[in-house]
């Protein structure tokens, strides 16, 4: 009987040429990612695919099932890919029908899992629809572009430092420097940092790539001068020498080259704000004794 059902099912599927119509990005409008296995589709989603023990499955069901297995490869041959999907869905339907016969669909935990799956499906559909419908204006795009790529210059600092554990030791080093001692020699003899043996040389650095107090101190220093007071960071106390400063022009990417990326980011941000508004206006309560605290 199973073989007969399988043969009839295959004949029907081949008859409607479903193998060439599975999982096209154009058909999966609600999906944010195109599936790996790309097959054209122009069939209505409610077109029947198969009937198992009186229960009908449509192209829409098959596509929905196909999306649950994203990341799992399908055979490159369309007919083989079709067979894999149909056989898996056939087995899934049989097991689901058996579960209903056993009354498992009435169990509290199963009902809860079905409801959560329903909510997750609706959640994704809502997110996809909100992203699809949100229009990003050229003005918004330009503002986002300027915010991310508007800085056309960067400052770099050629610097040395001496790192010690105690503030008093750092103050004494500054006195020694004021009295004419060589910075590199003091770094070799006094610094506990890894750059000490190299005379404290850090090369060219950007403020974004060093800890904030160190970077802040660099921006206020004069070229050729050492810091007049020790700088404290999480690593200890620093005496800094700014040897040289240079400003480099940055060529920003063309707007068109980042248009898609910025548009998607703006859409996602709009959805985030929309969801935040829903959360702020929702009526939320927790039954007494539930063990869940209201953190809204």
C-alpha atoms as a PDB file:
ATOM      1  CA  UNK A   1       0.000   0.000   0.000  1.00  0.00           C
ATOM      2  CA  UNK A   2       2.802   2.379   0.912  1.00  0.00           C
ATOM      3  CA  UNK A   3       4.561   1.725  -2.400  1.00  0.00           C
ATOM      4  CA  UNK A   4       1.319   2.286  -4.315  1.00  0.00           C
ATOM      5  CA  UNK A   5       0.731   5.619  -2.598  1.00  0.00           C
ATOM      6  CA  UNK A   6       4.312   6.595  -3.277  1.00  0.00           C
ATOM      7  CA  UNK A   7       4.084   5.747  -6.977  1.00  0.00           C
ATOM      8  CA  UNK A   8       0.833   7.670  -7.415  1.00  0.00           C
ATOM      9  CA  UNK A   9       2.310  10.602  -5.591  1.00  0.00           C
ATOM     10  CA  UNK A  10       5.385  10.648  -7.832  1.00  0.00           C
ATOM     11  CA  UNK A  11       3.325  10.442 -10.995  1.00  0.00           C
ATOM     12  CA  UNK A  12       1.151  13.344  -9.920  1.00  0.00           C
ATOM     13  CA  UNK A  13       4.120  15.456  -8.929  1.00  0.00           C
ATOM     14  CA  UNK A  14       5.912  14.826 -12.205  1.00  0.00           C
ATOM     15  CA  UNK A  15       2.706  15.592 -14.045  1.00  0.00           C
ATOM     16  CA  UNK A  16       2.528  19.105 -12.592  1.00  0.00           C
ATOM     17  CA  UNK A  17       6.314  19.597 -12.933  1.00  0.00           C
ATOM     18  CA  UNK A  18       6.777  20.603  -9.324  1.00  0.00           C
ATOM     19  CA  UNK A  19      10.454  19.748  -9.435  1.00  0.00           C
ATOM     20  CA  UNK A  20      11.189  22.921 -11.387  1.00  0.00           C
ATOM     21  CA  UNK A  21       9.087  25.096  -9.102  1.00  0.00           C
ATOM     22  CA  UNK A  22      10.480  24.679  -5.594  1.00  0.00           C
ATOM     23  CA  UNK A  23      11.891  27.404  -3.399  1.00  0.00           C
ATOM     24  CA  UNK A  24      12.529  30.349  -5.717  1.00  0.00           C
ATOM     25  CA  UNK A  25      13.339  33.600  -3.911  1.00  0.00           C
ATOM     26  CA  UNK A  26      10.589  35.262  -5.960  1.00  0.00           C
ATOM     27  CA  UNK A  27       8.039  32.865  -4.508  1.00  0.00           C
ATOM     28  CA  UNK A  28       9.290  33.204  -0.967  1.00  0.00           C
ATOM     29  CA  UNK A  29       8.465  36.884  -0.582  1.00  0.00           C
ATOM     30  CA  UNK A  30       8.155  36.530   3.157  1.00  0.00           C
ATOM     31  CA  UNK A  31      11.676  35.216   3.596  1.00  0.00           C
ATOM     32  CA  UNK A  32      14.546  37.575   4.330  1.00  0.00           C
ATOM     33  CA  UNK A  33      17.099  35.126   3.002  1.00  0.00           C
ATOM     34  CA  UNK A  34      16.975  33.330  -0.330  1.00  0.00           C
ATOM     35  CA  UNK A  35      17.197  29.545   0.063  1.00  0.00           C
ATOM     36  CA  UNK A  36      20.328  27.733  -1.031  1.00  0.00           C
ATOM     37  CA  UNK A  37      18.631  25.451  -3.537  1.00  0.00           C
ATOM     38  CA  UNK A  38      17.256  27.721  -6.249  1.00  0.00           C
ATOM     39  CA  UNK A  39      14.387  26.345  -8.403  1.00  0.00           C
ATOM     40  CA  UNK A  40      11.881  28.480 -10.360  1.00  0.00           C
ATOM     41  CA  UNK A  41       8.238  28.546  -9.339  1.00  0.00           C
ATOM     42  CA  UNK A  42       5.120  30.027 -10.922  1.00  0.00           C
ATOM     43  CA  UNK A  43       2.474  27.752  -9.435  1.00  0.00           C
ATOM     44  CA  UNK A  44      -0.215  28.995  -7.041  1.00  0.00           C
ATOM     45  CA  UNK A  45       0.625  28.238  -3.423  1.00  0.00           C
ATOM     46  CA  UNK A  46      -2.722  26.534  -2.863  1.00  0.00           C
ATOM     47  CA  UNK A  47      -2.203  24.033  -5.674  1.00  0.00           C
ATOM     48  CA  UNK A  48      -2.613  20.499  -4.224  1.00  0.00           C
ATOM     49  CA  UNK A  49       0.587  18.465  -4.140  1.00  0.00           C
ATOM     50  CA  UNK A  50      -0.521  15.236  -2.449  1.00  0.00           C
ATOM     51  CA  UNK A  51      -3.176  13.755  -0.211  1.00  0.00           C
ATOM     52  CA  UNK A  52      -2.204  11.485   2.665  1.00  0.00           C
ATOM     53  CA  UNK A  53      -5.017   9.563   4.374  1.00  0.00           C
ATOM     54  CA  UNK A  54      -7.475  12.216   3.229  1.00  0.00           C
ATOM     55  CA  UNK A  55      -5.328  15.171   4.328  1.00  0.00           C
ATOM     56  CA  UNK A  56      -4.272  17.489   1.509  1.00  0.00           C
ATOM     57  CA  UNK A  57      -0.892  19.176   1.202  1.00  0.00           C
ATOM     58  CA  UNK A  58      -0.331  22.122  -1.152  1.00  0.00           C
ATOM     59  CA  UNK A  59       2.642  23.767  -2.793  1.00  0.00           C
ATOM     60  CA  UNK A  60       2.486  26.308   0.032  1.00  0.00           C
ATOM     61  CA  UNK A  61       2.843  23.543   2.618  1.00  0.00           C
ATOM     62  CA  UNK A  62       5.773  22.079   0.729  1.00  0.00           C
ATOM     63  CA  UNK A  63       7.506  25.449   0.481  1.00  0.00           C
ATOM     64  CA  UNK A  64       6.890  26.124   4.168  1.00  0.00           C
ATOM     65  CA  UNK A  65       8.385  22.752   5.036  1.00  0.00           C
ATOM     66  CA  UNK A  66      11.318  23.421   2.748  1.00  0.00           C
ATOM     67  CA  UNK A  67      12.108  26.611   4.660  1.00  0.00           C
ATOM     68  CA  UNK A  68      12.261  24.727   7.980  1.00  0.00           C
ATOM     69  CA  UNK A  69      15.248  22.795   6.670  1.00  0.00           C
ATOM     70  CA  UNK A  70      17.367  25.716   5.457  1.00  0.00           C
ATOM     71  CA  UNK A  71      21.031  24.968   5.878  1.00  0.00           C
ATOM     72  CA  UNK A  72      20.421  21.306   5.043  1.00  0.00           C
ATOM     73  CA  UNK A  73      21.587  20.725   1.463  1.00  0.00           C
ATOM     74  CA  UNK A  74      19.370  19.293  -1.255  1.00  0.00           C
ATOM     75  CA  UNK A  75      20.580  17.249  -4.228  1.00  0.00           C
ATOM     76  CA  UNK A  76      21.513  19.462  -7.192  1.00  0.00           C
ATOM     77  CA  UNK A  77      19.199  17.532  -9.485  1.00  0.00           C
ATOM     78  CA  UNK A  78      15.675  19.089  -9.318  1.00  0.00           C
ATOM     79  CA  UNK A  79      13.867  15.739  -9.448  1.00  0.00           C
ATOM     80  CA  UNK A  80      16.020  14.314  -6.665  1.00  0.00           C
ATOM     81  CA  UNK A  81      15.510  17.468  -4.606  1.00  0.00           C
ATOM     82  CA  UNK A  82      11.766  17.116  -5.113  1.00  0.00           C
ATOM     83  CA  UNK A  83      11.831  13.488  -3.988  1.00  0.00           C
ATOM     84  CA  UNK A  84      13.740  14.364  -0.810  1.00  0.00           C
ATOM     85  CA  UNK A  85      11.295  17.115   0.151  1.00  0.00           C
ATOM     86  CA  UNK A  86       8.167  15.150  -0.698  1.00  0.00           C
ATOM     87  CA  UNK A  87       9.318  12.000   1.089  1.00  0.00           C
ATOM     88  CA  UNK A  88      10.275  13.970   4.182  1.00  0.00           C
ATOM     89  CA  UNK A  89       6.958  15.813   4.226  1.00  0.00           C
ATOM     90  CA  UNK A  90       5.095  12.532   3.612  1.00  0.00           C
ATOM     91  CA  UNK A  91       6.790  10.954   6.654  1.00  0.00           C
ATOM     92  CA  UNK A  92       6.164  14.086   8.705  1.00  0.00           C
ATOM     93  CA  UNK A  93       2.453  14.021   7.855  1.00  0.00           C
ATOM     94  CA  UNK A  94       2.155  10.339   8.797  1.00  0.00           C
ATOM     95  CA  UNK A  95       3.783  10.909  12.183  1.00  0.00           C
ATOM     96  CA  UNK A  96       1.642  13.983  12.842  1.00  0.00           C
ATOM     97  CA  UNK A  97      -1.489  11.985  12.017  1.00  0.00           C
ATOM     98  CA  UNK A  98      -0.373   9.217  14.371  1.00  0.00           C
ATOM     99  CA  UNK A  99       0.209  11.784  17.128  1.00  0.00           C
ATOM    100  CA  UNK A 100      -3.362  13.033  16.696  1.00  0.00           C
ATOM    101  CA  UNK A 101      -4.724   9.465  16.817  1.00  0.00           C
ATOM    102  CA  UNK A 102      -2.885   8.982  20.113  1.00  0.00           C
ATOM    103  CA  UNK A 103      -4.337  12.222  21.452  1.00  0.00           C
ATOM    104  CA  UNK A 104      -0.930  13.828  21.802  1.00  0.00           C
ATOM    105  CA  UNK A 105      -2.251  17.043  20.284  1.00  0.00           C
ATOM    106  CA  UNK A 106      -4.396  17.439  23.424  1.00  0.00           C
ATOM    107  CA  UNK A 107      -1.439  17.332  25.814  1.00  0.00           C
ATOM    108  CA  UNK A 108      -0.694  20.629  27.545  1.00  0.00           C
ATOM    109  CA  UNK A 109       2.979  20.772  26.570  1.00  0.00           C
ATOM    110  CA  UNK A 110       2.265  19.906  22.933  1.00  0.00           C
ATOM    111  CA  UNK A 111      -0.449  22.573  22.759  1.00  0.00           C
ATOM    112  CA  UNK A 112       2.006  25.103  24.197  1.00  0.00           C
ATOM    113  CA  UNK A 113       4.694  24.159  21.658  1.00  0.00           C
ATOM    114  CA  UNK A 114       2.231  24.422  18.775  1.00  0.00           C
ATOM    115  CA  UNK A 115       1.151  27.862  19.993  1.00  0.00           C
ATOM    116  CA  UNK A 116       4.749  29.054  20.331  1.00  0.00           C
ATOM    117  CA  UNK A 117       5.494  27.797  16.797  1.00  0.00           C
ATOM    118  CA  UNK A 118       2.407  29.652  15.535  1.00  0.00           C
ATOM    119  CA  UNK A 119       3.507  32.854  17.260  1.00  0.00           C
ATOM    120  CA  UNK A 120       7.046  32.549  15.889  1.00  0.00           C
ATOM    121  CA  UNK A 121       5.705  32.085  12.363  1.00  0.00           C
ATOM    122  CA  UNK A 122       3.446  35.130  12.716  1.00  0.00           C
ATOM    123  CA  UNK A 123       6.288  37.100  14.286  1.00  0.00           C
ATOM    124  CA  UNK A 124       8.561  36.424  11.330  1.00  0.00           C
ATOM    125  CA  UNK A 125       5.771  37.203   8.869  1.00  0.00           C
ATOM    126  CA  UNK A 126       5.122  40.521  10.645  1.00  0.00           C
ATOM    127  CA  UNK A 127       8.812  41.450  10.652  1.00  0.00           C
ATOM    128  CA  UNK A 128       9.196  40.579   6.975  1.00  0.00           C
ATOM    129  CA  UNK A 129       6.113  42.599   6.079  1.00  0.00           C
ATOM    130  CA  UNK A 130       7.210  45.622   8.110  1.00  0.00           C
ATOM    131  CA  UNK A 131      10.662  45.564   6.513  1.00  0.00           C
ATOM    132  CA  UNK A 132       9.180  45.141   3.045  1.00  0.00           C
ATOM    133  CA  UNK A 133       6.697  48.000   3.443  1.00  0.00           C
ATOM    134  CA  UNK A 134       8.962  50.520   5.175  1.00  0.00           C
ATOM    135  CA  UNK A 135      10.058  53.134   2.673  1.00  0.00           C
ATOM    136  CA  UNK A 136      13.515  54.617   3.178  1.00  0.00           C
ATOM    137  CA  UNK A 137      13.669  58.173   1.851  1.00  0.00           C
ATOM    138  CA  UNK A 138      16.689  59.519   0.032  1.00  0.00           C
ATOM    139  CA  UNK A 139      17.070  62.088   2.799  1.00  0.00           C
ATOM    140  CA  UNK A 140      17.181  59.395   5.507  1.00  0.00           C
ATOM    141  CA  UNK A 141      19.686  57.471   3.435  1.00  0.00           C
ATOM    142  CA  UNK A 142      21.903  60.533   3.067  1.00  0.00           C
ATOM    143  CA  UNK A 143      21.792  61.248   6.810  1.00  0.00           C
ATOM    144  CA  UNK A 144      22.782  57.657   7.601  1.00  0.00           C
ATOM    145  CA  UNK A 145      25.552  57.818   5.011  1.00  0.00           C
ATOM    146  CA  UNK A 146      26.942  61.045   6.481  1.00  0.00           C
ATOM    147  CA  UNK A 147      26.834  59.607  10.008  1.00  0.00           C
ATOM    148  CA  UNK A 148      28.738  56.475   9.056  1.00  0.00           C
ATOM    149  CA  UNK A 149      31.036  57.786   6.355  1.00  0.00           C
ATOM    150  CA  UNK A 150      31.077  61.535   6.943  1.00  0.00           C
ATOM    151  CA  UNK A 151      34.427  61.619   8.752  1.00  0.00           C
ATOM    152  CA  UNK A 152      36.862  62.232   5.903  1.00  0.00           C
ATOM    153  CA  UNK A 153      39.957  62.628   8.079  1.00  0.00           C
ATOM    154  CA  UNK A 154      41.687  60.616  10.764  1.00  0.00           C
ATOM    155  CA  UNK A 155      44.423  61.661  13.156  1.00  0.00           C
ATOM    156  CA  UNK A 156      47.357  59.400  13.926  1.00  0.00           C
ATOM    157  CA  UNK A 157      49.952  59.881  16.626  1.00  0.00           C
ATOM    158  CA  UNK A 158      53.543  58.607  16.674  1.00  0.00           C
ATOM    159  CA  UNK A 159      54.072  58.010  20.334  1.00  0.00           C
ATOM    160  CA  UNK A 160      56.139  56.403  23.056  1.00  0.00           C
ATOM    161  CA  UNK A 161      55.127  55.663  26.618  1.00  0.00           C
ATOM    162  CA  UNK A 162      56.536  54.506  29.913  1.00  0.00           C
ATOM    163  CA  UNK A 163      54.230  52.306  31.988  1.00  0.00           C
ATOM    164  CA  UNK A 164      54.681  51.921  35.753  1.00  0.00           C
ATOM    165  CA  UNK A 165      52.533  50.586  38.574  1.00  0.00           C
ATOM    166  CA  UNK A 166      52.675  53.549  40.964  1.00  0.00           C
ATOM    167  CA  UNK A 167      51.704  57.181  40.382  1.00  0.00           C
ATOM    168  CA  UNK A 168      54.705  58.437  42.356  1.00  0.00           C
ATOM    169  CA  UNK A 169      57.047  56.508  40.084  1.00  0.00           C
ATOM    170  CA  UNK A 170      55.411  58.134  37.055  1.00  0.00           C
ATOM    171  CA  UNK A 171      55.770  61.591  38.623  1.00  0.00           C
ATOM    172  CA  UNK A 172      59.463  60.973  39.240  1.00  0.00           C
ATOM    173  CA  UNK A 173      59.935  59.957  35.587  1.00  0.00           C
ATOM    174  CA  UNK A 174      58.305  63.229  34.496  1.00  0.00           C
ATOM    175  CA  UNK A 175      60.742  65.140  36.733  1.00  0.00           C
ATOM    176  CA  UNK A 176      63.643  63.235  35.182  1.00  0.00           C
ATOM    177  CA  UNK A 177      62.376  64.117  31.699  1.00  0.00           C
ATOM    178  CA  UNK A 178      61.999  67.770  32.696  1.00  0.00           C
ATOM    179  CA  UNK A 179      65.636  67.644  33.804  1.00  0.00           C
ATOM    180  CA  UNK A 180      66.721  66.491  30.371  1.00  0.00           C
ATOM    181  CA  UNK A 181      66.883  62.706  30.626  1.00  0.00           C
ATOM    182  CA  UNK A 182      66.233  60.718  27.451  1.00  0.00           C
ATOM    183  CA  UNK A 183      62.722  59.284  27.126  1.00  0.00           C
ATOM    184  CA  UNK A 184      63.755  56.081  25.325  1.00  0.00           C
ATOM    185  CA  UNK A 185      66.464  55.320  27.891  1.00  0.00           C
ATOM    186  CA  UNK A 186      64.023  55.822  30.774  1.00  0.00           C
ATOM    187  CA  UNK A 187      61.503  53.570  29.033  1.00  0.00           C
ATOM    188  CA  UNK A 188      64.096  50.808  28.697  1.00  0.00           C
ATOM    189  CA  UNK A 189      65.078  51.032  32.362  1.00  0.00           C
ATOM    190  CA  UNK A 190      61.738  51.878  33.996  1.00  0.00           C
ATOM    191  CA  UNK A 191      58.774  50.738  31.874  1.00  0.00           C
ATOM    192  CA  UNK A 192      56.917  47.545  32.805  1.00  0.00           C
ATOM    193  CA  UNK A 193      55.064  47.453  29.482  1.00  0.00           C
ATOM    194  CA  UNK A 194      55.980  45.198  26.523  1.00  0.00           C
ATOM    195  CA  UNK A 195      57.229  48.219  24.548  1.00  0.00           C
ATOM    196  CA  UNK A 196      59.791  49.083  27.229  1.00  0.00           C
ATOM    197  CA  UNK A 197      62.745  47.240  25.629  1.00  0.00           C
ATOM    198  CA  UNK A 198      62.035  49.200  22.425  1.00  0.00           C
ATOM    199  CA  UNK A 199      62.275  52.530  24.214  1.00  0.00           C
ATOM    200  CA  UNK A 200      58.503  52.623  24.753  1.00  0.00           C
ATOM    201  CA  UNK A 201      57.889  52.947  21.008  1.00  0.00           C
ATOM    202  CA  UNK A 202      54.227  52.343  20.058  1.00  0.00           C
ATOM    203  CA  UNK A 203      54.560  53.535  16.474  1.00  0.00           C
ATOM    204  CA  UNK A 204      51.587  55.265  14.868  1.00  0.00           C
ATOM    205  CA  UNK A 205      48.337  54.861  16.801  1.00  0.00           C
ATOM    206  CA  UNK A 206      44.762  56.095  16.479  1.00  0.00           C
ATOM    207  CA  UNK A 207      42.807  57.149  19.547  1.00  0.00           C
ATOM    208  CA  UNK A 208      40.108  54.599  18.735  1.00  0.00           C
ATOM    209  CA  UNK A 209      42.674  51.806  19.079  1.00  0.00           C
ATOM    210  CA  UNK A 210      43.967  52.695  22.545  1.00  0.00           C
ATOM    211  CA  UNK A 211      42.233  52.910  25.922  1.00  0.00           C
ATOM    212  CA  UNK A 212      40.210  56.107  26.291  1.00  0.00           C
ATOM    213  CA  UNK A 213      42.288  57.975  28.934  1.00  0.00           C
ATOM    214  CA  UNK A 214      45.424  57.372  26.856  1.00  0.00           C
ATOM    215  CA  UNK A 215      43.700  58.536  23.662  1.00  0.00           C
ATOM    216  CA  UNK A 216      42.210  61.592  25.355  1.00  0.00           C
ATOM    217  CA  UNK A 217      45.647  62.604  26.627  1.00  0.00           C
ATOM    218  CA  UNK A 218      47.168  62.276  23.148  1.00  0.00           C
ATOM    219  CA  UNK A 219      44.634  64.674  21.618  1.00  0.00           C
ATOM    220  CA  UNK A 220      45.584  67.393  24.140  1.00  0.00           C
ATOM    221  CA  UNK A 221      49.353  67.083  23.836  1.00  0.00           C
ATOM    222  CA  UNK A 222      51.787  69.193  21.837  1.00  0.00           C
ATOM    223  CA  UNK A 223      53.991  67.520  19.275  1.00  0.00           C
ATOM    224  CA  UNK A 224      57.459  66.820  20.659  1.00  0.00           C
ATOM    225  CA  UNK A 225      56.315  67.110  24.285  1.00  0.00           C
ATOM    226  CA  UNK A 226      55.801  64.539  27.025  1.00  0.00           C
ATOM    227  CA  UNK A 227      52.738  64.462  29.283  1.00  0.00           C
ATOM    228  CA  UNK A 228      52.944  66.921  32.167  1.00  0.00           C
ATOM    229  CA  UNK A 229      51.050  64.585  34.500  1.00  0.00           C
ATOM    230  CA  UNK A 230      50.764  60.795  34.743  1.00  0.00           C
ATOM    231  CA  UNK A 231      47.866  59.226  32.839  1.00  0.00           C
ATOM    232  CA  UNK A 232      46.016  56.447  34.649  1.00  0.00           C
ATOM    233  CA  UNK A 233      44.453  53.542  32.739  1.00  0.00           C
ATOM    234  CA  UNK A 234      43.442  50.003  33.616  1.00  0.00           C
ATOM    235  CA  UNK A 235      47.046  48.959  32.905  1.00  0.00           C
ATOM    236  CA  UNK A 236      48.726  51.353  35.313  1.00  0.00           C
ATOM    237  CA  UNK A 237      50.289  54.833  35.120  1.00  0.00           C
ATOM    238  CA  UNK A 238      51.617  56.166  31.822  1.00  0.00           C
ATOM    239  CA  UNK A 239      54.063  58.876  30.879  1.00  0.00           C
ATOM    240  CA  UNK A 240      53.481  59.663  27.209  1.00  0.00           C
ATOM    241  CA  UNK A 241      55.667  61.255  24.558  1.00  0.00           C
ATOM    242  CA  UNK A 242      53.995  62.587  21.402  1.00  0.00           C
ATOM    243  CA  UNK A 243      56.713  62.528  18.765  1.00  0.00           C
ATOM    244  CA  UNK A 244      54.636  63.401  15.737  1.00  0.00           C
ATOM    245  CA  UNK A 245      51.051  63.865  14.599  1.00  0.00           C
ATOM    246  CA  UNK A 246      49.583  63.467  11.125  1.00  0.00           C
ATOM    247  CA  UNK A 247      46.164  63.858   9.568  1.00  0.00           C
ATOM    248  CA  UNK A 248      45.175  61.471   6.785  1.00  0.00           C
ATOM    249  CA  UNK A 249      42.312  62.033   4.395  1.00  0.00           C
ATOM    250  CA  UNK A 250      39.891  59.131   4.100  1.00  0.00           C
ATOM    251  CA  UNK A 251      38.173  58.466   0.811  1.00  0.00           C
ATOM    252  CA  UNK A 252      34.593  57.500   1.740  1.00  0.00           C
ATOM    253  CA  UNK A 253      32.827  54.779  -0.259  1.00  0.00           C
ATOM    254  CA  UNK A 254      30.385  55.923  -2.919  1.00  0.00           C
ATOM    255  CA  UNK A 255      26.812  56.114  -1.675  1.00  0.00           C
ATOM    256  CA  UNK A 256      25.682  53.623  -4.306  1.00  0.00           C
ATOM    257  CA  UNK A 257      28.169  51.030  -3.093  1.00  0.00           C
ATOM    258  CA  UNK A 258      26.615  51.025   0.397  1.00  0.00           C
ATOM    259  CA  UNK A 259      23.014  51.869  -0.541  1.00  0.00           C
ATOM    260  CA  UNK A 260      21.642  48.347  -0.018  1.00  0.00           C
ATOM    261  CA  UNK A 261      23.479  47.893   3.279  1.00  0.00           C
ATOM    262  CA  UNK A 262      22.301  51.264   4.637  1.00  0.00           C
ATOM    263  CA  UNK A 263      18.733  50.723   3.426  1.00  0.00           C
ATOM    264  CA  UNK A 264      18.485  47.377   5.213  1.00  0.00           C
ATOM    265  CA  UNK A 265      19.988  48.859   8.376  1.00  0.00           C
ATOM    266  CA  UNK A 266      17.459  51.721   8.351  1.00  0.00           C
ATOM    267  CA  UNK A 267      14.577  49.312   7.805  1.00  0.00           C
ATOM    268  CA  UNK A 268      15.713  47.122  10.683  1.00  0.00           C
ATOM    269  CA  UNK A 269      16.072  50.186  12.920  1.00  0.00           C
ATOM    270  CA  UNK A 270      12.552  51.310  11.979  1.00  0.00           C
ATOM    271  CA  UNK A 271      11.195  47.875  12.891  1.00  0.00           C
ATOM    272  CA  UNK A 272      13.096  47.991  16.191  1.00  0.00           C
ATOM    273  CA  UNK A 273      11.481  51.334  17.060  1.00  0.00           C
ATOM    274  CA  UNK A 274       8.075  50.033  15.998  1.00  0.00           C
ATOM    275  CA  UNK A 275       8.486  47.000  18.257  1.00  0.00           C
ATOM    276  CA  UNK A 276       9.691  49.210  21.094  1.00  0.00           C
ATOM    277  CA  UNK A 277       6.543  51.306  20.752  1.00  0.00           C
ATOM    278  CA  UNK A 278       4.399  48.151  20.812  1.00  0.00           C
ATOM    279  CA  UNK A 279       6.167  47.036  23.980  1.00  0.00           C
ATOM    280  CA  UNK A 280       5.713  50.424  25.647  1.00  0.00           C
ATOM    281  CA  UNK A 281       1.985  50.584  24.872  1.00  0.00           C
ATOM    282  CA  UNK A 282       1.144  46.931  25.559  1.00  0.00           C
ATOM    283  CA  UNK A 283      -0.775  45.907  28.672  1.00  0.00           C
ATOM    284  CA  UNK A 284       1.523  43.500  30.488  1.00  0.00           C
ATOM    285  CA  UNK A 285       0.804  41.757  33.764  1.00  0.00           C
ATOM    286  CA  UNK A 286       2.030  38.669  35.584  1.00  0.00           C
ATOM    287  CA  UNK A 287      -0.212  36.496  37.749  1.00  0.00           C
ATOM    288  CA  UNK A 288       0.664  36.531  41.416  1.00  0.00           C
ATOM    289  CA  UNK A 289       2.945  33.656  42.263  1.00  0.00           C
ATOM    290  CA  UNK A 290       4.098  33.159  38.666  1.00  0.00           C
ATOM    291  CA  UNK A 291       7.693  33.797  39.690  1.00  0.00           C
ATOM    292  CA  UNK A 292       8.144  36.301  36.842  1.00  0.00           C
ATOM    293  CA  UNK A 293       8.923  39.926  37.682  1.00  0.00           C
ATOM    294  CA  UNK A 294       7.520  42.845  35.715  1.00  0.00           C
ATOM    295  CA  UNK A 295      10.601  44.592  34.345  1.00  0.00           C
ATOM    296  CA  UNK A 296       8.687  46.811  31.875  1.00  0.00           C
END
